[in-house]
Amino acid sequence: MEPVMLRQTVDMGTAVQLSLPMAEVVVLSHIVSRFTDGLELLQLDEAERQVLWNLECVLEKLDPMLFSEDHDACLRQAKNYLTGSENDVRRST
């Protein structure tokens, strides 16, 4: 594979931080898990698959309800929170 020439120097090993509300973590965890379990994963190249698996691992550590019996209810609550539906926790406070 040929080296890629960039106009600007970028250290690809630099760690970055991403801050998300818990509702977004719960929903994103669901999306990534669904994607990595599906056939869409076969359409990705090796680097893209690795990034998704790494992201899935990080999200698994952050999603407190991922392996809980209440995960489906938590996912619904997170989606309601993000969409502002009538069951939105933000409106009831």
N, C-alpha and C. Protein backbone atom coordinates (compact mmCIF):
# COMPACT_ATOMS: atom_id res chain seq x y z
N MET A 1 0.84 -1.17 0.00
CA MET A 1 0.00 0.00 0.00
C MET A 1 0.89 1.25 0.00
N GLU A 2 0.59 2.19 -0.89
CA GLU A 2 1.37 3.42 -0.99
C GLU A 2 1.04 4.38 0.15
N PRO A 3 2.06 5.11 0.62
CA PRO A 3 1.78 6.10 1.66
C PRO A 3 0.88 7.21 1.11
N VAL A 4 0.01 7.71 1.99
CA VAL A 4 -0.89 8.81 1.60
C VAL A 4 -0.20 10.11 1.94
N MET A 5 -0.15 11.02 0.99
CA MET A 5 0.47 12.32 1.21
C MET A 5 -0.61 13.32 1.63
N LEU A 6 -0.44 13.91 2.80
CA LEU A 6 -1.38 14.90 3.30
C LEU A 6 -0.77 16.29 3.20
N ARG A 7 -1.60 17.29 2.99
CA ARG A 7 -1.11 18.67 2.95
C ARG A 7 -0.72 19.15 4.33
N GLN A 8 -1.28 18.53 5.32
CA GLN A 8 -1.05 18.92 6.70
C GLN A 8 -0.63 17.67 7.47
N THR A 9 0.27 17.82 8.43
CA THR A 9 0.71 16.68 9.22
C THR A 9 -0.33 16.35 10.28
N VAL A 10 -0.70 15.09 10.34
CA VAL A 10 -1.67 14.62 11.33
C VAL A 10 -1.09 13.38 11.99
N ASP A 11 -0.99 13.39 13.31
CA ASP A 11 -0.52 12.22 14.05
C ASP A 11 -1.71 11.29 14.25
N MET A 12 -1.78 10.22 13.47
CA MET A 12 -2.91 9.30 13.51
C MET A 12 -2.98 8.53 14.82
N GLY A 13 -1.94 8.57 15.62
CA GLY A 13 -1.94 7.87 16.90
C GLY A 13 -2.42 8.72 18.07
N THR A 14 -2.72 9.99 17.80
CA THR A 14 -3.17 10.88 18.86
C THR A 14 -4.56 10.47 19.34
N ALA A 15 -4.70 10.31 20.65
CA ALA A 15 -6.00 9.97 21.24
C ALA A 15 -6.86 11.22 21.30
N VAL A 16 -8.13 11.05 21.05
CA VAL A 16 -9.08 12.16 21.15
C VAL A 16 -10.19 11.75 22.11
N GLN A 17 -10.85 12.74 22.68
CA GLN A 17 -11.97 12.47 23.57
C GLN A 17 -13.24 12.94 22.91
N LEU A 18 -14.29 12.18 23.12
CA LEU A 18 -15.60 12.48 22.57
C LEU A 18 -16.57 12.47 23.73
N SER A 19 -17.32 13.53 23.89
CA SER A 19 -18.26 13.64 24.99
C SER A 19 -19.68 13.54 24.44
N LEU A 20 -20.44 12.57 24.96
CA LEU A 20 -21.81 12.36 24.51
C LEU A 20 -22.73 12.21 25.72
N PRO A 21 -23.96 12.67 25.60
CA PRO A 21 -24.92 12.38 26.67
C PRO A 21 -25.20 10.88 26.73
N MET A 22 -25.57 10.38 27.89
CA MET A 22 -25.81 8.95 28.05
C MET A 22 -26.85 8.44 27.06
N ALA A 23 -27.87 9.22 26.78
CA ALA A 23 -28.89 8.78 25.82
C ALA A 23 -28.27 8.48 24.47
N GLU A 24 -27.33 9.29 24.03
CA GLU A 24 -26.66 9.06 22.75
C GLU A 24 -25.76 7.83 22.82
N VAL A 25 -25.13 7.60 23.95
CA VAL A 25 -24.29 6.40 24.12
C VAL A 25 -25.15 5.14 23.98
N VAL A 26 -26.32 5.15 24.64
CA VAL A 26 -27.21 3.98 24.60
C VAL A 26 -27.68 3.71 23.17
N VAL A 27 -28.12 4.75 22.46
CA VAL A 27 -28.62 4.59 21.10
C VAL A 27 -27.48 4.23 20.14
N LEU A 28 -26.34 4.90 20.27
CA LEU A 28 -25.20 4.59 19.40
C LEU A 28 -24.71 3.17 19.62
N SER A 29 -24.69 2.74 20.86
CA SER A 29 -24.29 1.37 21.17
C SER A 29 -25.21 0.38 20.46
N HIS A 30 -26.49 0.66 20.46
CA HIS A 30 -27.47 -0.20 19.77
C HIS A 30 -27.22 -0.22 18.27
N ILE A 31 -26.98 0.95 17.69
CA ILE A 31 -26.76 1.05 16.24
C ILE A 31 -25.50 0.29 15.84
N VAL A 32 -24.41 0.52 16.55
CA VAL A 32 -23.14 -0.13 16.21
C VAL A 32 -23.26 -1.64 16.38
N SER A 33 -23.90 -2.07 17.44
CA SER A 33 -24.08 -3.51 17.67
C SER A 33 -24.90 -4.13 16.55
N ARG A 34 -25.96 -3.46 16.16
CA ARG A 34 -26.82 -3.97 15.08
C ARG A 34 -26.04 -4.04 13.77
N PHE A 35 -25.23 -3.03 13.52
CA PHE A 35 -24.46 -2.97 12.28
C PHE A 35 -23.39 -4.05 12.24
N THR A 36 -22.68 -4.24 13.35
CA THR A 36 -21.60 -5.23 13.36
C THR A 36 -22.12 -6.65 13.36
N ASP A 37 -23.38 -6.84 13.72
CA ASP A 37 -23.98 -8.17 13.69
C ASP A 37 -24.58 -8.50 12.33
N GLY A 38 -24.65 -7.52 11.44
CA GLY A 38 -25.32 -7.72 10.17
C GLY A 38 -24.37 -7.94 9.00
N LEU A 39 -24.98 -8.15 7.87
CA LEU A 39 -24.21 -8.38 6.65
C LEU A 39 -23.48 -7.13 6.17
N GLU A 40 -23.92 -5.97 6.63
CA GLU A 40 -23.27 -4.73 6.21
C GLU A 40 -21.78 -4.74 6.55
N LEU A 41 -21.44 -5.47 7.60
CA LEU A 41 -20.04 -5.56 8.03
C LEU A 41 -19.16 -6.14 6.93
N LEU A 42 -19.71 -7.03 6.13
CA LEU A 42 -18.94 -7.64 5.04
C LEU A 42 -18.59 -6.65 3.94
N GLN A 43 -19.33 -5.54 3.86
CA GLN A 43 -19.08 -4.54 2.83
C GLN A 43 -18.01 -3.54 3.23
N LEU A 44 -17.52 -3.63 4.44
CA LEU A 44 -16.51 -2.71 4.93
C LEU A 44 -15.11 -3.27 4.70
N ASP A 45 -14.15 -2.37 4.59
CA ASP A 45 -12.78 -2.86 4.50
C ASP A 45 -12.25 -3.14 5.90
N GLU A 46 -11.05 -3.67 5.97
CA GLU A 46 -10.50 -4.12 7.25
C GLU A 46 -10.40 -2.99 8.27
N ALA A 47 -9.96 -1.82 7.85
CA ALA A 47 -9.83 -0.69 8.77
C ALA A 47 -11.19 -0.24 9.30
N GLU A 48 -12.19 -0.20 8.42
CA GLU A 48 -13.53 0.22 8.84
C GLU A 48 -14.13 -0.77 9.84
N ARG A 49 -13.93 -2.07 9.58
CA ARG A 49 -14.43 -3.08 10.52
C ARG A 49 -13.74 -2.94 11.88
N GLN A 50 -12.43 -2.71 11.86
CA GLN A 50 -11.69 -2.58 13.10
C GLN A 50 -12.17 -1.38 13.91
N VAL A 51 -12.42 -0.27 13.23
CA VAL A 51 -12.92 0.92 13.91
C VAL A 51 -14.28 0.65 14.55
N LEU A 52 -15.16 -0.03 13.82
CA LEU A 52 -16.47 -0.34 14.38
C LEU A 52 -16.37 -1.27 15.59
N TRP A 53 -15.51 -2.28 15.50
CA TRP A 53 -15.33 -3.18 16.64
C TRP A 53 -14.75 -2.43 17.84
N ASN A 54 -13.78 -1.55 17.59
CA ASN A 54 -13.20 -0.76 18.68
C ASN A 54 -14.25 0.14 19.32
N LEU A 55 -15.07 0.78 18.48
CA LEU A 55 -16.13 1.65 18.99
C LEU A 55 -17.14 0.83 19.79
N GLU A 56 -17.47 -0.34 19.30
CA GLU A 56 -18.40 -1.20 20.02
C GLU A 56 -17.86 -1.56 21.40
N CYS A 57 -16.57 -1.85 21.50
CA CYS A 57 -15.95 -2.18 22.79
C CYS A 57 -16.02 -1.00 23.76
N VAL A 58 -15.73 0.19 23.25
CA VAL A 58 -15.78 1.39 24.10
C VAL A 58 -17.21 1.63 24.58
N LEU A 59 -18.17 1.51 23.68
CA LEU A 59 -19.57 1.75 24.04
C LEU A 59 -20.09 0.70 25.02
N GLU A 60 -19.62 -0.53 24.88
CA GLU A 60 -20.03 -1.57 25.83
C GLU A 60 -19.61 -1.22 27.25
N LYS A 61 -18.47 -0.59 27.39
CA LYS A 61 -17.99 -0.18 28.71
C LYS A 61 -18.80 0.99 29.26
N LEU A 62 -19.33 1.83 28.38
CA LEU A 62 -20.02 3.04 28.81
C LEU A 62 -21.52 2.86 29.01
N ASP A 63 -22.12 1.89 28.33
CA ASP A 63 -23.57 1.69 28.41
C ASP A 63 -23.90 0.85 29.63
N PRO A 64 -24.43 1.47 30.70
CA PRO A 64 -24.65 0.75 31.95
C PRO A 64 -25.76 -0.31 31.86
N MET A 65 -26.62 -0.20 30.86
CA MET A 65 -27.76 -1.10 30.75
C MET A 65 -27.58 -2.16 29.66
N LEU A 66 -26.45 -2.18 29.00
CA LEU A 66 -26.27 -3.02 27.81
C LEU A 66 -26.62 -4.48 28.04
N PHE A 67 -26.19 -5.04 29.15
CA PHE A 67 -26.42 -6.45 29.41
C PHE A 67 -27.50 -6.67 30.47
N SER A 68 -28.29 -5.64 30.70
CA SER A 68 -29.36 -5.69 31.69
C SER A 68 -30.66 -6.21 31.07
N GLU A 69 -31.51 -6.78 31.91
CA GLU A 69 -32.84 -7.19 31.44
C GLU A 69 -33.66 -5.99 31.01
N ASP A 70 -33.31 -4.81 31.52
CA ASP A 70 -34.05 -3.58 31.22
C ASP A 70 -33.49 -2.83 30.02
N HIS A 71 -32.60 -3.46 29.26
CA HIS A 71 -31.95 -2.74 28.17
C HIS A 71 -32.95 -2.21 27.14
N ASP A 72 -33.93 -3.00 26.77
CA ASP A 72 -34.90 -2.53 25.77
C ASP A 72 -35.66 -1.30 26.26
N ALA A 73 -36.05 -1.31 27.53
CA ALA A 73 -36.75 -0.16 28.11
C ALA A 73 -35.82 1.05 28.18
N CYS A 74 -34.57 0.81 28.51
CA CYS A 74 -33.58 1.90 28.56
C CYS A 74 -33.37 2.49 27.17
N LEU A 75 -33.30 1.63 26.16
CA LEU A 75 -33.14 2.10 24.78
C LEU A 75 -34.34 2.95 24.36
N ARG A 76 -35.55 2.50 24.69
CA ARG A 76 -36.75 3.29 24.37
C ARG A 76 -36.71 4.65 25.08
N GLN A 77 -36.31 4.64 26.35
CA GLN A 77 -36.24 5.88 27.11
C GLN A 77 -35.20 6.82 26.50
N ALA A 78 -34.07 6.28 26.09
CA ALA A 78 -33.03 7.11 25.47
C ALA A 78 -33.52 7.71 24.16
N LYS A 79 -34.21 6.91 23.35
CA LYS A 79 -34.75 7.42 22.08
C LYS A 79 -35.80 8.48 22.33
N ASN A 80 -36.66 8.26 23.32
CA ASN A 80 -37.66 9.27 23.67
C ASN A 80 -36.99 10.57 24.11
N TYR A 81 -35.96 10.44 24.91
CA TYR A 81 -35.23 11.61 25.39
C TYR A 81 -34.65 12.41 24.22
N LEU A 82 -34.06 11.70 23.27
CA LEU A 82 -33.41 12.37 22.15
C LEU A 82 -34.39 12.98 21.16
N THR A 83 -35.55 12.38 21.03
CA THR A 83 -36.53 12.89 20.06
C THR A 83 -37.53 13.84 20.68
N GLY A 84 -37.51 13.97 22.02
CA GLY A 84 -38.44 14.89 22.67
C GLY A 84 -39.86 14.39 22.66
N SER A 85 -40.06 13.09 22.67
CA SER A 85 -41.41 12.54 22.66
C SER A 85 -42.13 12.88 23.95
N GLU A 86 -43.44 12.60 24.03
CA GLU A 86 -44.24 13.01 25.19
C GLU A 86 -43.80 12.34 26.47
N ASN A 87 -43.07 11.23 26.40
CA ASN A 87 -42.56 10.58 27.60
C ASN A 87 -41.18 11.10 28.00
N ASP A 88 -40.77 12.19 27.39
CA ASP A 88 -39.43 12.74 27.58
C ASP A 88 -39.20 13.11 29.04
N VAL A 89 -38.12 12.59 29.60
CA VAL A 89 -37.76 12.85 30.99
C VAL A 89 -37.51 14.34 31.21
N ARG A 90 -36.96 15.02 30.22
CA ARG A 90 -36.64 16.44 30.38
C ARG A 90 -37.88 17.28 30.65
N ARG A 91 -39.02 16.92 30.07
CA ARG A 91 -40.25 17.70 30.23
C ARG A 91 -40.90 17.49 31.58
N SER A 92 -40.67 16.35 32.20
CA SER A 92 -41.34 16.06 33.44
C SER A 92 -40.65 16.67 34.66
N THR A 93 -39.51 17.30 34.46
CA THR A 93 -38.80 17.92 35.59
C THR A 93 -38.97 19.41 35.58
